[in-house]
Amino acid sequence: MAFVLIRHKVRDFEAWKLGYDAHRAKRVEAGLTERHLLRNADNGNEVVLLFEARDLGAARAFSASPNLRETMQAAGVVDRPDIYFLDA
């Protein structure tokens, strides 16, 4: 089993969540299944996501895609995401 863990900050969580939800089909296409969407208890604009990944190669390609980068920027991500590709 493989996972992808992502941490980043957003300008406004509610606005970011709308963009994130609208991008769901692309995540599914990349073989990612959301397992947890968490917010920092001390800063609600810091988001941590855990996805189960069907294929780490596809997950890596998705995470490097211009489409994802543009979507994240439009949704209000304000820092460089930390992305971890994990094996269980």
Protein backbone atom coordinates (compact mmCIF):
# COMPACT_ATOMS: atom_id res chain seq x y z
CA MET A 1 0.00 0.00 0.00
CA ALA A 2 1.26 3.47 -0.86
CA PHE A 3 0.32 6.92 0.39
CA VAL A 4 0.92 10.58 -0.43
CA LEU A 5 1.08 13.10 2.42
CA ILE A 6 0.82 16.81 1.59
CA ARG A 7 1.16 19.87 3.84
CA HIS A 8 0.65 23.44 2.69
CA LYS A 9 -0.75 26.78 3.77
CA VAL A 10 -3.65 28.51 2.08
CA ARG A 11 -4.81 32.11 2.04
CA ASP A 12 -8.41 31.23 3.03
CA PHE A 13 -9.48 27.67 3.84
CA GLU A 14 -13.09 28.01 2.64
CA ALA A 15 -12.03 29.46 -0.73
CA TRP A 16 -9.28 26.84 -1.08
CA LYS A 17 -11.74 24.02 -0.29
CA LEU A 18 -13.99 25.05 -3.18
CA GLY A 19 -11.06 24.79 -5.62
CA TYR A 20 -9.87 21.56 -4.02
CA ASP A 21 -13.29 19.94 -4.32
CA ALA A 22 -13.62 21.06 -7.95
CA HIS A 23 -10.35 19.26 -8.76
CA ARG A 24 -11.49 15.88 -7.37
CA ALA A 25 -11.89 14.20 -10.78
CA LYS A 26 -8.21 14.81 -11.59
CA ARG A 27 -7.14 13.24 -8.28
CA VAL A 28 -9.31 10.20 -8.93
CA GLU A 29 -7.89 9.95 -12.46
CA ALA A 30 -4.38 9.92 -10.92
CA GLY A 31 -5.38 7.03 -8.64
CA LEU A 32 -5.51 9.06 -5.43
CA THR A 33 -8.14 8.39 -2.78
CA GLU A 34 -8.46 10.95 -0.01
CA ARG A 35 -8.20 9.35 3.42
CA HIS A 36 -7.83 12.45 5.60
CA LEU A 37 -8.12 16.21 5.18
CA LEU A 38 -6.85 17.89 8.35
CA ARG A 39 -6.35 21.48 9.48
CA ASN A 40 -3.74 22.66 11.93
CA ALA A 41 -5.47 23.23 15.28
CA ASP A 42 -3.53 26.49 15.75
CA ASN A 43 -3.78 27.74 12.16
CA GLY A 44 -6.87 26.71 10.20
CA ASN A 45 -5.20 27.83 6.97
CA GLU A 46 -2.54 25.12 7.21
CA VAL A 47 -3.81 21.93 5.58
CA VAL A 48 -2.54 18.35 5.76
CA LEU A 49 -3.88 15.76 3.31
CA LEU A 50 -3.35 12.02 3.27
CA PHE A 51 -4.15 10.07 0.11
CA GLU A 52 -3.97 6.39 -0.63
CA ALA A 53 -2.17 5.99 -3.96
CA ARG A 54 -2.86 3.18 -6.40
CA ASP A 55 0.49 3.82 -8.13
CA LEU A 56 3.29 6.03 -6.77
CA GLY A 57 4.57 6.73 -10.29
CA ALA A 58 1.20 8.15 -11.31
CA ALA A 59 1.00 10.08 -8.02
CA ARG A 60 4.45 11.59 -8.66
CA ALA A 61 3.46 12.58 -12.19
CA PHE A 62 0.25 14.18 -10.93
CA SER A 63 2.07 16.11 -8.21
CA ALA A 64 4.50 17.52 -10.80
CA SER A 65 1.81 18.41 -13.35
CA PRO A 66 1.30 22.00 -14.51
CA ASN A 67 -2.46 21.49 -14.04
CA LEU A 68 -2.05 20.80 -10.33
CA ARG A 69 0.34 23.71 -9.89
CA GLU A 70 -2.10 26.10 -11.62
CA THR A 71 -5.07 24.75 -9.66
CA MET A 72 -3.26 25.14 -6.34
CA GLN A 73 -2.22 28.69 -7.17
CA ALA A 74 -5.77 29.63 -8.24
CA ALA A 75 -7.21 28.07 -5.05
CA GLY A 76 -4.92 30.16 -2.85
CA VAL A 77 -2.01 27.96 -1.79
CA VAL A 78 0.53 30.45 -0.43
CA ASP A 79 3.63 28.37 0.22
CA ARG A 80 5.55 25.55 -1.38
CA PRO A 81 3.81 22.29 -0.46
CA ASP A 82 5.66 19.55 1.38
CA ILE A 83 4.88 16.29 -0.46
CA TYR A 84 5.87 12.87 0.82
CA PHE A 85 5.49 9.62 -1.12
CA LEU A 86 5.14 6.80 1.41
CA ASP A 87 5.08 3.01 1.42
CA ALA A 88 3.29 1.15 4.19
